[in-house]
Amino acid sequence: MVLERFRRGEPDAPPARSLRSLRWGLVPSWAKDASGGPRALNARAETLLEKPSFAQAALARRCLVPADAWYEWQVSPVARDGAGGPRKQPFAVRAADGSVLSLAGVYEFWQDPAAAPGDPARWLVTFAVVTTAAEPGLDRLHERMPLLVPRDLRDAWLDPTLDDAEDVAALLAAVPRDQFATALTAHPVPRAVGDVRQDGPHLLEEVPEAELEGVVDLRTGQLTGA
């Protein structure tokens, strides 16, 4: 994840930007046990500044989650799978120009009270992806989608000095909600993406229309495939 923090012991230095590996599934700093209860994978933008699990992180610990794409599964209104249930087709949503997406995120530090002060595992750093209502067209995949931070707002999203609730609320409101119409594309990808044993660039390749069954075109709403 991309984040910005003040350097420890250098109060007058500007915040430093870095790339860090964080664990997905936010554990609030006040949690008694990091393994107790489900971890929050997502945080709703609409309540980000209200929920106790995310409010402090939204003010002081925002990050960007770089991604080539994200996957969603479309439930077919007509096609059935081998078990008789609705057939599901995965899609990849990407930037139309091929650039890396910046998903909004918040992160948190959790300290294990039972660990020794010098134990490297004493601190757990976790994050959640901020989501918003799906844009027209993408709502044919899912009712929610990641909040995508455009290039001109990335510095503000990462800025730890922007820590006033009203300013953060204004920043959330400034993120455009029409990016599928202007900057995103989506296409069906191999169903193998649902197999955790599979990995590789082939999982982002577009599936030909001839191989689709009962898929709804995201932009027109028309059925495609057999």
C-alpha atoms as a PDB file:
ATOM      1  CA  MET A   1       0.000   0.000   0.000  1.00  0.00           C
ATOM      2  CA  VAL A   2       1.062   3.592  -0.553  1.00  0.00           C
ATOM      3  CA  LEU A   3       0.999   5.715   2.591  1.00  0.00           C
ATOM      4  CA  GLU A   4       2.457   8.894   4.037  1.00  0.00           C
ATOM      5  CA  ARG A   5       3.694   9.242   7.612  1.00  0.00           C
ATOM      6  CA  PHE A   6       5.767  11.649   9.645  1.00  0.00           C
ATOM      7  CA  ARG A   7       9.276  10.412  10.410  1.00  0.00           C
ATOM      8  CA  ARG A   8       9.692   9.270  13.990  1.00  0.00           C
ATOM      9  CA  GLY A   9      11.932  11.621  15.920  1.00  0.00           C
ATOM     10  CA  GLU A  10      11.790  14.285  13.199  1.00  0.00           C
ATOM     11  CA  PRO A  11       8.795  16.464  14.124  1.00  0.00           C
ATOM     12  CA  ASP A  12       9.776  19.250  11.757  1.00  0.00           C
ATOM     13  CA  ALA A  13      10.376  17.036   8.714  1.00  0.00           C
ATOM     14  CA  PRO A  14       7.692  16.708   6.053  1.00  0.00           C
ATOM     15  CA  PRO A  15       5.782  13.406   5.898  1.00  0.00           C
ATOM     16  CA  ALA A  16       7.509  10.651   3.947  1.00  0.00           C
ATOM     17  CA  ARG A  17       5.715   8.583   1.306  1.00  0.00           C
ATOM     18  CA  SER A  18       6.442   4.859   1.225  1.00  0.00           C
ATOM     19  CA  LEU A  19       5.242   1.547  -0.150  1.00  0.00           C
ATOM     20  CA  ARG A  20       4.423  -1.009   2.551  1.00  0.00           C
ATOM     21  CA  SER A  21       2.985  -4.482   2.719  1.00  0.00           C
ATOM     22  CA  LEU A  22      -0.106  -4.487   4.962  1.00  0.00           C
ATOM     23  CA  ARG A  23      -2.530  -7.240   5.869  1.00  0.00           C
ATOM     24  CA  TRP A  24      -6.017  -6.965   4.386  1.00  0.00           C
ATOM     25  CA  GLY A  25      -8.714  -6.990   7.045  1.00  0.00           C
ATOM     26  CA  LEU A  26      -8.637  -4.022   9.408  1.00  0.00           C
ATOM     27  CA  VAL A  27      -8.260  -4.686  13.136  1.00  0.00           C
ATOM     28  CA  PRO A  28      -9.179  -1.602  15.216  1.00  0.00           C
ATOM     29  CA  SER A  29      -6.506  -0.364  17.603  1.00  0.00           C
ATOM     30  CA  TRP A  30      -8.891  -0.895  20.523  1.00  0.00           C
ATOM     31  CA  ALA A  31      -9.633  -4.550  19.719  1.00  0.00           C
ATOM     32  CA  LYS A  32      -8.781  -6.852  22.619  1.00  0.00           C
ATOM     33  CA  ASP A  33      -7.792  -9.725  20.366  1.00  0.00           C
ATOM     34  CA  ALA A  34      -6.629  -9.464  16.758  1.00  0.00           C
ATOM     35  CA  SER A  35      -8.086 -12.870  15.907  1.00  0.00           C
ATOM     36  CA  GLY A  36     -11.400 -12.424  17.651  1.00  0.00           C
ATOM     37  CA  GLY A  37     -14.278 -11.701  15.312  1.00  0.00           C
ATOM     38  CA  PRO A  38     -14.253 -10.957  11.580  1.00  0.00           C
ATOM     39  CA  ARG A  39     -11.810  -8.403  10.246  1.00  0.00           C
ATOM     40  CA  ALA A  40     -13.187  -5.588   8.144  1.00  0.00           C
ATOM     41  CA  LEU A  41     -12.173  -6.039   4.513  1.00  0.00           C
ATOM     42  CA  ASN A  42     -14.212  -3.045   3.376  1.00  0.00           C
ATOM     43  CA  ALA A  43     -15.316   0.282   4.840  1.00  0.00           C
ATOM     44  CA  ARG A  44     -18.329   2.125   3.439  1.00  0.00           C
ATOM     45  CA  ALA A  45     -17.527   5.685   2.328  1.00  0.00           C
ATOM     46  CA  GLU A  46     -20.941   6.856   3.479  1.00  0.00           C
ATOM     47  CA  THR A  47     -20.214   5.985   7.134  1.00  0.00           C
ATOM     48  CA  LEU A  48     -16.420   6.096   7.139  1.00  0.00           C
ATOM     49  CA  LEU A  49     -16.264   9.041   9.554  1.00  0.00           C
ATOM     50  CA  GLU A  50     -18.956   7.614  11.836  1.00  0.00           C
ATOM     51  CA  LYS A  51     -18.040   3.974  12.425  1.00  0.00           C
ATOM     52  CA  PRO A  52     -15.767   3.505  15.474  1.00  0.00           C
ATOM     53  CA  SER A  53     -13.659   0.952  13.593  1.00  0.00           C
ATOM     54  CA  PHE A  54     -12.709   3.450  10.873  1.00  0.00           C
ATOM     55  CA  ALA A  55     -13.272   7.015  12.113  1.00  0.00           C
ATOM     56  CA  GLN A  56      -9.789   7.672  13.515  1.00  0.00           C
ATOM     57  CA  ALA A  57      -8.063   5.938  10.611  1.00  0.00           C
ATOM     58  CA  ALA A  58     -10.092   8.026   8.146  1.00  0.00           C
ATOM     59  CA  LEU A  59      -8.696  11.178   9.723  1.00  0.00           C
ATOM     60  CA  ALA A  60      -5.075  10.142  10.225  1.00  0.00           C
ATOM     61  CA  ARG A  61      -4.267   6.912   8.401  1.00  0.00           C
ATOM     62  CA  ARG A  62      -5.461   6.888   4.814  1.00  0.00           C
ATOM     63  CA  CYS A  63      -3.663   4.856   2.168  1.00  0.00           C
ATOM     64  CA  LEU A  64      -3.912   3.982  -1.512  1.00  0.00           C
ATOM     65  CA  VAL A  65      -4.213   0.398  -2.693  1.00  0.00           C
ATOM     66  CA  PRO A  66      -2.560  -0.024  -6.134  1.00  0.00           C
ATOM     67  CA  ALA A  67      -4.368  -2.497  -8.373  1.00  0.00           C
ATOM     68  CA  ASP A  68      -4.283  -3.506 -12.024  1.00  0.00           C
ATOM     69  CA  ALA A  69      -7.975  -4.382 -11.755  1.00  0.00           C
ATOM     70  CA  TRP A  70     -10.612  -5.733  -9.443  1.00  0.00           C
ATOM     71  CA  TYR A  71     -12.896  -8.703 -10.037  1.00  0.00           C
ATOM     72  CA  GLU A  72     -16.658  -8.990  -9.656  1.00  0.00           C
ATOM     73  CA  TRP A  73     -18.952 -11.875 -10.510  1.00  0.00           C
ATOM     74  CA  GLN A  74     -22.129 -11.230 -12.502  1.00  0.00           C
ATOM     75  CA  VAL A  75     -25.096 -13.451 -11.718  1.00  0.00           C
ATOM     76  CA  SER A  76     -26.829 -14.416 -14.982  1.00  0.00           C
ATOM     77  CA  PRO A  77     -30.585 -13.754 -15.124  1.00  0.00           C
ATOM     78  CA  VAL A  78     -31.105 -16.672 -17.513  1.00  0.00           C
ATOM     79  CA  ALA A  79     -28.203 -19.152 -17.620  1.00  0.00           C
ATOM     80  CA  ARG A  80     -27.854 -21.947 -15.057  1.00  0.00           C
ATOM     81  CA  ASP A  81     -24.787 -23.803 -13.846  1.00  0.00           C
ATOM     82  CA  GLY A  82     -24.348 -27.557 -13.494  1.00  0.00           C
ATOM     83  CA  ALA A  83     -25.924 -27.579 -10.038  1.00  0.00           C
ATOM     84  CA  GLY A  84     -29.030 -25.743 -11.215  1.00  0.00           C
ATOM     85  CA  GLY A  85     -28.158 -22.391  -9.691  1.00  0.00           C
ATOM     86  CA  PRO A  86     -27.623 -19.162 -11.628  1.00  0.00           C
ATOM     87  CA  ARG A  87     -24.451 -19.141 -13.682  1.00  0.00           C
ATOM     88  CA  LYS A  88     -21.867 -16.581 -12.571  1.00  0.00           C
ATOM     89  CA  GLN A  89     -19.408 -14.862 -14.877  1.00  0.00           C
ATOM     90  CA  PRO A  90     -16.357 -13.008 -13.499  1.00  0.00           C
ATOM     91  CA  PHE A  91     -15.426  -9.589 -14.857  1.00  0.00           C
ATOM     92  CA  ALA A  92     -12.257  -7.545 -14.481  1.00  0.00           C
ATOM     93  CA  VAL A  93     -12.673  -3.789 -14.087  1.00  0.00           C
ATOM     94  CA  ARG A  94      -9.618  -1.806 -15.200  1.00  0.00           C
ATOM     95  CA  ALA A  95      -8.458   1.662 -16.165  1.00  0.00           C
ATOM     96  CA  ALA A  96      -9.261   2.282 -19.830  1.00  0.00           C
ATOM     97  CA  ASP A  97      -5.751   3.601 -20.463  1.00  0.00           C
ATOM     98  CA  GLY A  98      -4.088   0.606 -18.802  1.00  0.00           C
ATOM     99  CA  SER A  99      -2.753   2.594 -15.852  1.00  0.00           C
ATOM    100  CA  VAL A 100      -2.699   1.357 -12.263  1.00  0.00           C
ATOM    101  CA  LEU A 101      -5.834   2.051 -10.249  1.00  0.00           C
ATOM    102  CA  SER A 102      -5.652   3.712  -6.823  1.00  0.00           C
ATOM    103  CA  LEU A 103      -8.253   2.243  -4.483  1.00  0.00           C
ATOM    104  CA  ALA A 104      -8.967   4.309  -1.377  1.00  0.00           C
ATOM    105  CA  GLY A 105      -8.016   2.602   1.858  1.00  0.00           C
ATOM    106  CA  VAL A 106      -7.583   3.214   5.577  1.00  0.00           C
ATOM    107  CA  TYR A 107      -5.117   1.422   7.833  1.00  0.00           C
ATOM    108  CA  GLU A 108      -4.648   0.844  11.529  1.00  0.00           C
ATOM    109  CA  PHE A 109      -2.014  -0.286  14.036  1.00  0.00           C
ATOM    110  CA  TRP A 110      -2.861  -2.921  16.640  1.00  0.00           C
ATOM    111  CA  GLN A 111      -0.494  -3.685  19.483  1.00  0.00           C
ATOM    112  CA  ASP A 112      -0.409  -7.129  21.061  1.00  0.00           C
ATOM    113  CA  PRO A 113      -0.387  -6.493  24.823  1.00  0.00           C
ATOM    114  CA  ALA A 114       1.003  -9.958  25.493  1.00  0.00           C
ATOM    115  CA  ALA A 115       4.070  -9.552  23.256  1.00  0.00           C
ATOM    116  CA  ALA A 116       7.473  -8.455  24.541  1.00  0.00           C
ATOM    117  CA  PRO A 117       8.514  -4.862  23.685  1.00  0.00           C
ATOM    118  CA  GLY A 118      11.206  -6.080  21.299  1.00  0.00           C
ATOM    119  CA  ASP A 119       9.070  -8.691  19.578  1.00  0.00           C
ATOM    120  CA  PRO A 120       8.798  -7.834  15.838  1.00  0.00           C
ATOM    121  CA  ALA A 121       5.323  -9.394  15.826  1.00  0.00           C
ATOM    122  CA  ARG A 122       4.141  -6.987  18.526  1.00  0.00           C
ATOM    123  CA  TRP A 123       2.518  -4.675  15.962  1.00  0.00           C
ATOM    124  CA  LEU A 124      -0.073  -5.725  13.423  1.00  0.00           C
ATOM    125  CA  VAL A 125      -0.784  -3.261  10.616  1.00  0.00           C
ATOM    126  CA  THR A 126      -3.997  -3.895   8.699  1.00  0.00           C
ATOM    127  CA  PHE A 127      -6.138  -2.064   6.157  1.00  0.00           C
ATOM    128  CA  ALA A 128      -9.606  -1.946   4.653  1.00  0.00           C
ATOM    129  CA  VAL A 129     -10.680  -0.849   1.178  1.00  0.00           C
ATOM    130  CA  VAL A 130     -13.144   2.047   1.106  1.00  0.00           C
ATOM    131  CA  THR A 131     -16.209   1.264  -1.008  1.00  0.00           C
ATOM    132  CA  THR A 132     -19.028   3.309  -2.492  1.00  0.00           C
ATOM    133  CA  ALA A 133     -22.271   2.667  -4.365  1.00  0.00           C
ATOM    134  CA  ALA A 134     -21.599   1.090  -7.752  1.00  0.00           C
ATOM    135  CA  GLU A 135     -21.794   3.406 -10.726  1.00  0.00           C
ATOM    136  CA  PRO A 136     -24.386   2.868 -13.490  1.00  0.00           C
ATOM    137  CA  GLY A 137     -23.289  -0.112 -15.554  1.00  0.00           C
ATOM    138  CA  LEU A 138     -21.025  -1.527 -12.863  1.00  0.00           C
ATOM    139  CA  ASP A 139     -24.131  -2.025 -10.750  1.00  0.00           C
ATOM    140  CA  ARG A 140     -24.888  -4.896 -13.126  1.00  0.00           C
ATOM    141  CA  LEU A 141     -21.995  -6.663 -11.381  1.00  0.00           C
ATOM    142  CA  HIS A 142     -22.456  -5.641  -7.754  1.00  0.00           C
ATOM    143  CA  GLU A 143     -24.175  -2.943  -5.734  1.00  0.00           C
ATOM    144  CA  ARG A 144     -20.820  -1.734  -4.331  1.00  0.00           C
ATOM    145  CA  MET A 145     -17.421  -0.911  -5.813  1.00  0.00           C
ATOM    146  CA  PRO A 146     -14.072   0.388  -4.541  1.00  0.00           C
ATOM    147  CA  LEU A 147     -13.763   4.135  -4.134  1.00  0.00           C
ATOM    148  CA  LEU A 148     -11.245   5.075  -6.840  1.00  0.00           C
ATOM    149  CA  VAL A 149      -9.031   8.063  -6.094  1.00  0.00           C
ATOM    150  CA  PRO A 150      -8.130   9.961  -9.304  1.00  0.00           C
ATOM    151  CA  ARG A 151      -4.629  11.265  -9.859  1.00  0.00           C
ATOM    152  CA  ASP A 152      -5.440  14.852  -8.886  1.00  0.00           C
ATOM    153  CA  LEU A 153      -6.742  13.810  -5.442  1.00  0.00           C
ATOM    154  CA  ARG A 154      -4.101  11.234  -4.489  1.00  0.00           C
ATOM    155  CA  ASP A 155      -1.814  13.692  -2.704  1.00  0.00           C
ATOM    156  CA  ALA A 156      -4.696  14.984  -0.592  1.00  0.00           C
ATOM    157  CA  TRP A 157      -5.886  11.459   0.233  1.00  0.00           C
ATOM    158  CA  LEU A 158      -2.444  10.513   1.536  1.00  0.00           C
ATOM    159  CA  ASP A 159      -1.728  13.804   3.333  1.00  0.00           C
ATOM    160  CA  PRO A 160      -1.621  13.128   7.114  1.00  0.00           C
ATOM    161  CA  THR A 161      -1.966  16.848   7.848  1.00  0.00           C
ATOM    162  CA  LEU A 162      -5.457  16.765   6.348  1.00  0.00           C
ATOM    163  CA  ASP A 163      -7.027  15.510   9.567  1.00  0.00           C
ATOM    164  CA  ASP A 164     -10.151  17.609  10.083  1.00  0.00           C
ATOM    165  CA  ALA A 165     -13.411  15.702   9.770  1.00  0.00           C
ATOM    166  CA  GLU A 166     -15.051  18.349   7.585  1.00  0.00           C
ATOM    167  CA  ASP A 167     -12.057  18.426   5.253  1.00  0.00           C
ATOM    168  CA  VAL A 168     -12.015  14.648   4.951  1.00  0.00           C
ATOM    169  CA  ALA A 169     -15.760  14.643   4.280  1.00  0.00           C
ATOM    170  CA  ALA A 170     -15.192  17.207   1.525  1.00  0.00           C
ATOM    171  CA  LEU A 171     -12.419  15.045   0.097  1.00  0.00           C
ATOM    172  CA  LEU A 172     -14.706  12.021   0.018  1.00  0.00           C
ATOM    173  CA  ALA A 173     -17.368  14.094  -1.731  1.00  0.00           C
ATOM    174  CA  ALA A 174     -14.839  15.331  -4.305  1.00  0.00           C
ATOM    175  CA  VAL A 175     -14.028  11.822  -5.581  1.00  0.00           C
ATOM    176  CA  PRO A 176     -15.879  11.454  -8.911  1.00  0.00           C
ATOM    177  CA  ARG A 177     -18.607   8.819  -9.148  1.00  0.00           C
ATOM    178  CA  ASP A 178     -18.799   8.661 -12.970  1.00  0.00           C
ATOM    179  CA  GLN A 179     -15.526   6.948 -13.803  1.00  0.00           C
ATOM    180  CA  PHE A 180     -17.070   3.997 -15.662  1.00  0.00           C
ATOM    181  CA  ALA A 181     -18.388   6.490 -18.187  1.00  0.00           C
ATOM    182  CA  THR A 182     -15.041   8.211 -18.591  1.00  0.00           C
ATOM    183  CA  ALA A 183     -12.014   6.262 -17.373  1.00  0.00           C
ATOM    184  CA  LEU A 184     -12.852   2.608 -16.712  1.00  0.00           C
ATOM    185  CA  THR A 185     -13.487  -0.466 -18.796  1.00  0.00           C
ATOM    186  CA  ALA A 186     -14.707  -3.922 -17.861  1.00  0.00           C
ATOM    187  CA  HIS A 187     -14.672  -7.285 -19.611  1.00  0.00           C
ATOM    188  CA  PRO A 188     -15.468 -10.926 -18.805  1.00  0.00           C
ATOM    189  CA  VAL A 189     -12.460 -13.040 -17.771  1.00  0.00           C
ATOM    190  CA  PRO A 190     -11.874 -16.788 -17.357  1.00  0.00           C
ATOM    191  CA  ARG A 191     -13.881 -18.504 -14.631  1.00  0.00           C
ATOM    192  CA  ALA A 192     -10.595 -19.959 -13.414  1.00  0.00           C
ATOM    193  CA  VAL A 193     -10.171 -16.732 -11.458  1.00  0.00           C
ATOM    194  CA  GLY A 194     -12.371 -18.374  -8.844  1.00  0.00           C
ATOM    195  CA  ASP A 195      -9.799 -21.138  -8.270  1.00  0.00           C
ATOM    196  CA  VAL A 196      -7.268 -20.119  -5.606  1.00  0.00           C
ATOM    197  CA  ARG A 197      -4.721 -22.450  -7.211  1.00  0.00           C
ATOM    198  CA  GLN A 198      -4.746 -20.346 -10.375  1.00  0.00           C
ATOM    199  CA  ASP A 199      -2.532 -17.303 -10.833  1.00  0.00           C
ATOM    200  CA  GLY A 200      -1.058 -15.352 -13.721  1.00  0.00           C
ATOM    201  CA  PRO A 201      -1.840 -12.746 -16.371  1.00  0.00           C
ATOM    202  CA  HIS A 202      -4.217 -15.107 -18.188  1.00  0.00           C
ATOM    203  CA  LEU A 203      -6.803 -14.329 -15.487  1.00  0.00           C
ATOM    204  CA  LEU A 204      -7.094 -10.806 -16.906  1.00  0.00           C
ATOM    205  CA  GLU A 205      -7.572 -11.895 -20.519  1.00  0.00           C
ATOM    206  CA  GLU A 206     -10.943 -11.156 -22.100  1.00  0.00           C
ATOM    207  CA  VAL A 207     -13.225 -14.117 -22.772  1.00  0.00           C
ATOM    208  CA  PRO A 208     -14.588 -14.162 -26.360  1.00  0.00           C
ATOM    209  CA  GLU A 209     -18.309 -13.517 -26.668  1.00  0.00           C
ATOM    210  CA  ALA A 210     -18.793 -16.953 -28.249  1.00  0.00           C
ATOM    211  CA  GLU A 211     -17.770 -18.559 -24.939  1.00  0.00           C
ATOM    212  CA  LEU A 212     -20.196 -16.564 -22.790  1.00  0.00           C
ATOM    213  CA  GLU A 213     -23.525 -17.839 -21.487  1.00  0.00           C
ATOM    214  CA  GLY A 214     -26.315 -15.471 -20.488  1.00  0.00           C
ATOM    215  CA  VAL A 215     -24.073 -12.507 -19.701  1.00  0.00           C
ATOM    216  CA  VAL A 216     -25.526  -8.996 -19.465  1.00  0.00           C
ATOM    217  CA  ASP A 217     -23.605  -6.278 -21.291  1.00  0.00           C
ATOM    218  CA  LEU A 218     -22.668  -3.730 -18.648  1.00  0.00           C
ATOM    219  CA  ARG A 219     -23.217  -0.675 -20.827  1.00  0.00           C
ATOM    220  CA  THR A 220     -26.296  -1.649 -22.837  1.00  0.00           C
ATOM    221  CA  GLY A 221     -28.042  -4.134 -20.554  1.00  0.00           C
ATOM    222  CA  GLN A 222     -28.456  -6.552 -23.469  1.00  0.00           C
ATOM    223  CA  LEU A 223     -27.851 -10.288 -23.111  1.00  0.00           C
ATOM    224  CA  THR A 224     -24.723 -11.609 -24.811  1.00  0.00           C
ATOM    225  CA  GLY A 225     -23.532 -15.129 -25.372  1.00  0.00           C
ATOM    226  CA  ALA A 226     -25.516 -18.295 -25.862  1.00  0.00           C
END
